[in-house]
Amino acid sequence: QLVESGGGLVQAGGSLRLSCAASGRTVG
């Protein structure tokens, strides 16, 4: 299972950091 978060509404020039949390040892 992969679950993204961190999206949203921002103005041009702004910043966001998205995260993707994975089950098990997927990322590793």
PDB file of all heavy atoms in Angstrom:
ATOM      1  N   GLN A   1       0.836  -1.188   0.000  1.00  0.00           N
ATOM      2  CA  GLN A   1       0.000   0.000   0.000  1.00  0.00           C
ATOM      3  C   GLN A   1       0.875   1.243   0.000  1.00  0.00           C
ATOM      4  O   GLN A   1       1.807   1.353   0.800  1.00  0.00           O
ATOM      5  CB  GLN A   1      -0.927   0.021   1.210  1.00  0.00           C
ATOM      6  CG  GLN A   1      -1.875   1.209   1.238  1.00  0.00           C
ATOM      7  CD  GLN A   1      -2.857   1.155   2.396  1.00  0.00           C
ATOM      8  OE1 GLN A   1      -3.000   0.138   3.064  1.00  0.00           O
ATOM      9  NE2 GLN A   1      -3.555   2.259   2.637  1.00  0.00           N
ATOM     10  N   LEU A   2       0.581   2.158  -0.899  1.00  0.00           N
ATOM     11  CA  LEU A   2       1.279   3.426  -0.994  1.00  0.00           C
ATOM     12  C   LEU A   2       0.264   4.536  -0.774  1.00  0.00           C
ATOM     13  O   LEU A   2      -0.773   4.570  -1.435  1.00  0.00           O
ATOM     14  CB  LEU A   2       1.936   3.594  -2.366  1.00  0.00           C
ATOM     15  CG  LEU A   2       2.883   2.467  -2.820  1.00  0.00           C
ATOM     16  CD1 LEU A   2       3.352   2.720  -4.253  1.00  0.00           C
ATOM     17  CD2 LEU A   2       4.080   2.374  -1.883  1.00  0.00           C
ATOM     18  N   VAL A   3       0.560   5.431   0.155  1.00  0.00           N
ATOM     19  CA  VAL A   3      -0.364   6.503   0.498  1.00  0.00           C
ATOM     20  C   VAL A   3       0.347   7.838   0.385  1.00  0.00           C
ATOM     21  O   VAL A   3       1.280   8.115   1.137  1.00  0.00           O
ATOM     22  CB  VAL A   3      -0.937   6.325   1.911  1.00  0.00           C
ATOM     23  CG1 VAL A   3      -1.898   7.463   2.231  1.00  0.00           C
ATOM     24  CG2 VAL A   3      -1.646   4.983   2.033  1.00  0.00           C
ATOM     25  N   GLU A   4      -0.118   8.665  -0.548  1.00  0.00           N
ATOM     26  CA  GLU A   4       0.457   9.989  -0.740  1.00  0.00           C
ATOM     27  C   GLU A   4      -0.236  11.013   0.143  1.00  0.00           C
ATOM     28  O   GLU A   4      -1.417  10.886   0.463  1.00  0.00           O
ATOM     29  CB  GLU A   4       0.343  10.435  -2.201  1.00  0.00           C
ATOM     30  CG  GLU A   4       0.992   9.495  -3.201  1.00  0.00           C
ATOM     31  CD  GLU A   4       0.019   8.499  -3.789  1.00  0.00           C
ATOM     32  OE1 GLU A   4      -1.001   8.194  -3.132  1.00  0.00           O
ATOM     33  OE2 GLU A   4       0.275   8.019  -4.909  1.00  0.00           O
ATOM     34  N   SER A   5       0.499  12.046   0.491  1.00  0.00           N
ATOM     35  CA  SER A   5      -0.052  13.154   1.249  1.00  0.00           C
ATOM     36  C   SER A   5       0.771  14.400   0.960  1.00  0.00           C
ATOM     37  O   SER A   5       1.849  14.323   0.372  1.00  0.00           O
ATOM     38  CB  SER A   5      -0.063  12.858   2.749  1.00  0.00           C
ATOM     39  OG  SER A   5       1.249  12.669   3.240  1.00  0.00           O
ATOM     40  N   GLY A   6       0.264  15.541   1.381  1.00  0.00           N
ATOM     41  CA  GLY A   6       1.001  16.784   1.243  1.00  0.00           C
ATOM     42  C   GLY A   6       0.546  17.690   0.129  1.00  0.00           C
ATOM     43  O   GLY A   6       1.062  18.809  -0.008  1.00  0.00           O
ATOM     44  N   GLY A   7      -0.397  17.239  -0.667  1.00  0.00           N
ATOM     45  CA  GLY A   7      -0.898  18.081  -1.735  1.00  0.00           C
ATOM     46  C   GLY A   7      -1.738  19.216  -1.196  1.00  0.00           C
ATOM     47  O   GLY A   7      -2.090  19.258  -0.018  1.00  0.00           O
ATOM     48  N   GLY A   8      -2.053  20.146  -2.069  1.00  0.00           N
ATOM     49  CA  GLY A   8      -2.853  21.284  -1.666  1.00  0.00           C
ATOM     50  C   GLY A   8      -2.857  22.363  -2.713  1.00  0.00           C
ATOM     51  O   GLY A   8      -2.433  22.148  -3.852  1.00  0.00           O
ATOM     52  N   LEU A   9      -3.333  23.522  -2.317  1.00  0.00           N
ATOM     53  CA  LEU A   9      -3.418  24.678  -3.195  1.00  0.00           C
ATOM     54  C   LEU A   9      -2.339  25.683  -2.810  1.00  0.00           C
ATOM     55  O   LEU A   9      -2.248  26.092  -1.649  1.00  0.00           O
ATOM     56  CB  LEU A   9      -4.797  25.326  -3.077  1.00  0.00           C
ATOM     57  CG  LEU A   9      -5.014  26.647  -3.811  1.00  0.00           C
ATOM     58  CD1 LEU A   9      -4.874  26.442  -5.316  1.00  0.00           C
ATOM     59  CD2 LEU A   9      -6.378  27.223  -3.459  1.00  0.00           C
ATOM     60  N   VAL A  10      -1.528  26.056  -3.782  1.00  0.00           N
ATOM     61  CA  VAL A  10      -0.470  27.038  -3.554  1.00  0.00           C
ATOM     62  C   VAL A  10      -0.428  28.012  -4.715  1.00  0.00           C
ATOM     63  O   VAL A  10      -0.889  27.720  -5.815  1.00  0.00           O
ATOM     64  CB  VAL A  10       0.916  26.383  -3.387  1.00  0.00           C
ATOM     65  CG1 VAL A  10       0.941  25.471  -2.170  1.00  0.00           C
ATOM     66  CG2 VAL A  10       1.285  25.604  -4.640  1.00  0.00           C
ATOM     67  N   GLN A  11       0.132  29.168  -4.454  1.00  0.00           N
ATOM     68  CA  GLN A  11       0.324  30.157  -5.502  1.00  0.00           C
ATOM     69  C   GLN A  11       1.592  29.856  -6.288  1.00  0.00           C
ATOM     70  O   GLN A  11       2.513  29.200  -5.792  1.00  0.00           O
ATOM     71  CB  GLN A  11       0.416  31.565  -4.918  1.00  0.00           C
ATOM     72  CG  GLN A  11      -0.860  32.065  -4.279  1.00  0.00           C
ATOM     73  CD  GLN A  11      -0.784  33.522  -3.889  1.00  0.00           C
ATOM     74  OE1 GLN A  11      -1.801  34.210  -3.845  1.00  0.00           O
ATOM     75  NE2 GLN A  11       0.409  34.017  -3.613  1.00  0.00           N
ATOM     76  N   ALA A  12       1.623  30.317  -7.510  1.00  0.00           N
ATOM     77  CA  ALA A  12       2.819  30.158  -8.323  1.00  0.00           C
ATOM     78  C   ALA A  12       4.031  30.696  -7.585  1.00  0.00           C
ATOM     79  O   ALA A  12       3.976  31.761  -6.969  1.00  0.00           O
ATOM     80  CB  ALA A  12       2.642  30.871  -9.658  1.00  0.00           C
ATOM     81  N   GLY A  13       5.110  29.939  -7.653  1.00  0.00           N
ATOM     82  CA  GLY A  13       6.323  30.310  -6.950  1.00  0.00           C
ATOM     83  C   GLY A  13       6.443  29.691  -5.573  1.00  0.00           C
ATOM     84  O   GLY A  13       7.521  29.734  -4.965  1.00  0.00           O
ATOM     85  N   GLY A  14       5.370  29.108  -5.091  1.00  0.00           N
ATOM     86  CA  GLY A  14       5.370  28.496  -3.784  1.00  0.00           C
ATOM     87  C   GLY A  14       5.949  27.098  -3.795  1.00  0.00           C
ATOM     88  O   GLY A  14       6.406  26.598  -4.820  1.00  0.00           O
ATOM     89  N   SER A  15       5.894  26.461  -2.625  1.00  0.00           N
ATOM     90  CA  SER A  15       6.485  25.139  -2.458  1.00  0.00           C
ATOM     91  C   SER A  15       5.539  24.194  -1.751  1.00  0.00           C
ATOM     92  O   SER A  15       4.680  24.605  -0.964  1.00  0.00           O
ATOM     93  CB  SER A  15       7.781  25.225  -1.646  1.00  0.00           C
ATOM     94  OG  SER A  15       8.760  26.017  -2.291  1.00  0.00           O
ATOM     95  N   LEU A  16       5.707  22.928  -2.041  1.00  0.00           N
ATOM     96  CA  LEU A  16       5.003  21.856  -1.355  1.00  0.00           C
ATOM     97  C   LEU A  16       5.945  20.673  -1.233  1.00  0.00           C
ATOM     98  O   LEU A  16       6.828  20.492  -2.077  1.00  0.00           O
ATOM     99  CB  LEU A  16       3.752  21.409  -2.113  1.00  0.00           C
ATOM    100  CG  LEU A  16       2.504  22.278  -2.070  1.00  0.00           C
ATOM    101  CD1 LEU A  16       1.453  21.706  -3.023  1.00  0.00           C
ATOM    102  CD2 LEU A  16       1.946  22.353  -0.657  1.00  0.00           C
ATOM    103  N   ARG A  17       5.757  19.882  -0.200  1.00  0.00           N
ATOM    104  CA  ARG A  17       6.479  18.633  -0.079  1.00  0.00           C
ATOM    105  C   ARG A  17       5.485  17.491   0.009  1.00  0.00           C
ATOM    106  O   ARG A  17       4.684  17.419   0.941  1.00  0.00           O
ATOM    107  CB  ARG A  17       7.397  18.599   1.144  1.00  0.00           C
ATOM    108  CG  ARG A  17       8.305  17.358   1.145  1.00  0.00           C
ATOM    109  CD  ARG A  17       9.268  17.312   2.303  1.00  0.00           C
ATOM    110  NE  ARG A  17       8.630  16.876   3.540  1.00  0.00           N
ATOM    111  CZ  ARG A  17       9.280  16.327   4.564  1.00  0.00           C
ATOM    112  NH1 ARG A  17      10.594  16.164   4.499  1.00  0.00           N
ATOM    113  NH2 ARG A  17       8.620  15.981   5.656  1.00  0.00           N
ATOM    114  N   LEU A  18       5.550  16.619  -0.957  1.00  0.00           N
ATOM    115  CA  LEU A  18       4.701  15.450  -0.976  1.00  0.00           C
ATOM    116  C   LEU A  18       5.394  14.285  -0.292  1.00  0.00           C
ATOM    117  O   LEU A  18       6.615  14.144  -0.362  1.00  0.00           O
ATOM    118  CB  LEU A  18       4.349  15.054  -2.413  1.00  0.00           C
ATOM    119  CG  LEU A  18       3.739  16.141  -3.300  1.00  0.00           C
ATOM    120  CD1 LEU A  18       3.375  15.549  -4.655  1.00  0.00           C
ATOM    121  CD2 LEU A  18       2.528  16.775  -2.628  1.00  0.00           C
ATOM    122  N   SER A  19       4.597  13.459   0.359  1.00  0.00           N
ATOM    123  CA  SER A  19       5.108  12.265   1.002  1.00  0.00           C
ATOM    124  C   SER A  19       4.376  11.050   0.472  1.00  0.00           C
ATOM    125  O   SER A  19       3.196  11.120   0.139  1.00  0.00           O
ATOM    126  CB  SER A  19       4.930  12.336   2.519  1.00  0.00           C
ATOM    127  OG  SER A  19       5.647  13.411   3.078  1.00  0.00           O
ATOM    128  N   CYS A  20       5.077   9.958   0.394  1.00  0.00           N
ATOM    129  CA  CYS A  20       4.493   8.684   0.008  1.00  0.00           C
ATOM    130  C   CYS A  20       4.915   7.655   1.030  1.00  0.00           C
ATOM    131  O   CYS A  20       6.091   7.260   1.065  1.00  0.00           O
ATOM    132  CB  CYS A  20       4.948   8.287  -1.398  1.00  0.00           C
ATOM    133  SG  CYS A  20       4.442   6.629  -1.899  1.00  0.00           S
ATOM    134  N   ALA A  21       3.979   7.250   1.861  1.00  0.00           N
ATOM    135  CA  ALA A  21       4.249   6.264   2.893  1.00  0.00           C
ATOM    136  C   ALA A  21       3.898   4.882   2.374  1.00  0.00           C
ATOM    137  O   ALA A  21       2.799   4.663   1.860  1.00  0.00           O
ATOM    138  CB  ALA A  21       3.454   6.580   4.150  1.00  0.00           C
ATOM    139  N   ALA A  22       4.817   3.964   2.523  1.00  0.00           N
ATOM    140  CA  ALA A  22       4.637   2.622   2.002  1.00  0.00           C
ATOM    141  C   ALA A  22       4.558   1.602   3.124  1.00  0.00           C
ATOM    142  O   ALA A  22       5.158   1.771   4.184  1.00  0.00           O
ATOM    143  CB  ALA A  22       5.782   2.256   1.061  1.00  0.00           C
ATOM    144  N   SER A  23       3.814   0.554   2.874  1.00  0.00           N
ATOM    145  CA  SER A  23       3.742  -0.550   3.819  1.00  0.00           C
ATOM    146  C   SER A  23       4.959  -1.438   3.680  1.00  0.00           C
ATOM    147  O   SER A  23       5.651  -1.421   2.653  1.00  0.00           O
ATOM    148  CB  SER A  23       2.462  -1.361   3.588  1.00  0.00           C
ATOM    149  OG  SER A  23       2.478  -1.971   2.303  1.00  0.00           O
ATOM    150  N   GLY A  24       5.204  -2.231   4.705  1.00  0.00           N
ATOM    151  CA  GLY A  24       6.299  -3.177   4.654  1.00  0.00           C
ATOM    152  C   GLY A  24       7.645  -2.516   4.479  1.00  0.00           C
ATOM    153  O   GLY A  24       7.903  -1.440   5.020  1.00  0.00           O
ATOM    154  N   ARG A  25       8.486  -3.166   3.695  1.00  0.00           N
ATOM    155  CA  ARG A  25       9.840  -2.674   3.450  1.00  0.00           C
ATOM    156  C   ARG A  25       9.998  -2.150   2.037  1.00  0.00           C
ATOM    157  O   ARG A  25      11.091  -2.139   1.490  1.00  0.00           O
ATOM    158  CB  ARG A  25      10.835  -3.808   3.705  1.00  0.00           C
ATOM    159  CG  ARG A  25      10.800  -4.357   5.131  1.00  0.00           C
ATOM    160  CD  ARG A  25      11.619  -5.620   5.260  1.00  0.00           C
ATOM    161  NE  ARG A  25      13.018  -5.404   4.949  1.00  0.00           N
ATOM    162  CZ  ARG A  25      13.921  -6.380   4.843  1.00  0.00           C
ATOM    163  NH1 ARG A  25      13.549  -7.643   5.015  1.00  0.00           N
ATOM    164  NH2 ARG A  25      15.177  -6.088   4.557  1.00  0.00           N
ATOM    165  N   THR A  26       8.910  -1.691   1.455  1.00  0.00           N
ATOM    166  CA  THR A  26       8.908  -1.259   0.061  1.00  0.00           C
ATOM    167  C   THR A  26       9.957  -0.203  -0.241  1.00  0.00           C
ATOM    168  O   THR A  26      10.752  -0.339  -1.178  1.00  0.00           O
ATOM    169  CB  THR A  26       7.522  -0.736  -0.333  1.00  0.00           C
ATOM    170  OG1 THR A  26       6.558  -1.786  -0.220  1.00  0.00           O
ATOM    171  CG2 THR A  26       7.526  -0.223  -1.771  1.00  0.00           C
ATOM    172  N   VAL A  27       9.960   0.862   0.534  1.00  0.00           N
ATOM    173  CA  VAL A  27      10.878   1.953   0.266  1.00  0.00           C
ATOM    174  C   VAL A  27      12.322   1.519   0.424  1.00  0.00           C
ATOM    175  O   VAL A  27      13.198   1.963  -0.330  1.00  0.00           O
ATOM    176  CB  VAL A  27      10.553   3.168   1.163  1.00  0.00           C
ATOM    177  CG1 VAL A  27      11.636   4.235   1.032  1.00  0.00           C
ATOM    178  CG2 VAL A  27       9.192   3.743   0.806  1.00  0.00           C
ATOM    179  N   GLY A  28      12.564   0.651   1.367  1.00  0.00           N
ATOM    180  CA  GLY A  28      13.928   0.242   1.630  1.00  0.00           C
ATOM    181  C   GLY A  28      14.539  -0.651   0.578  1.00  0.00           C
ATOM    182  O   GLY A  28      15.774  -0.733   0.476  1.00  0.00           O
TER     183      GLY A  28
END
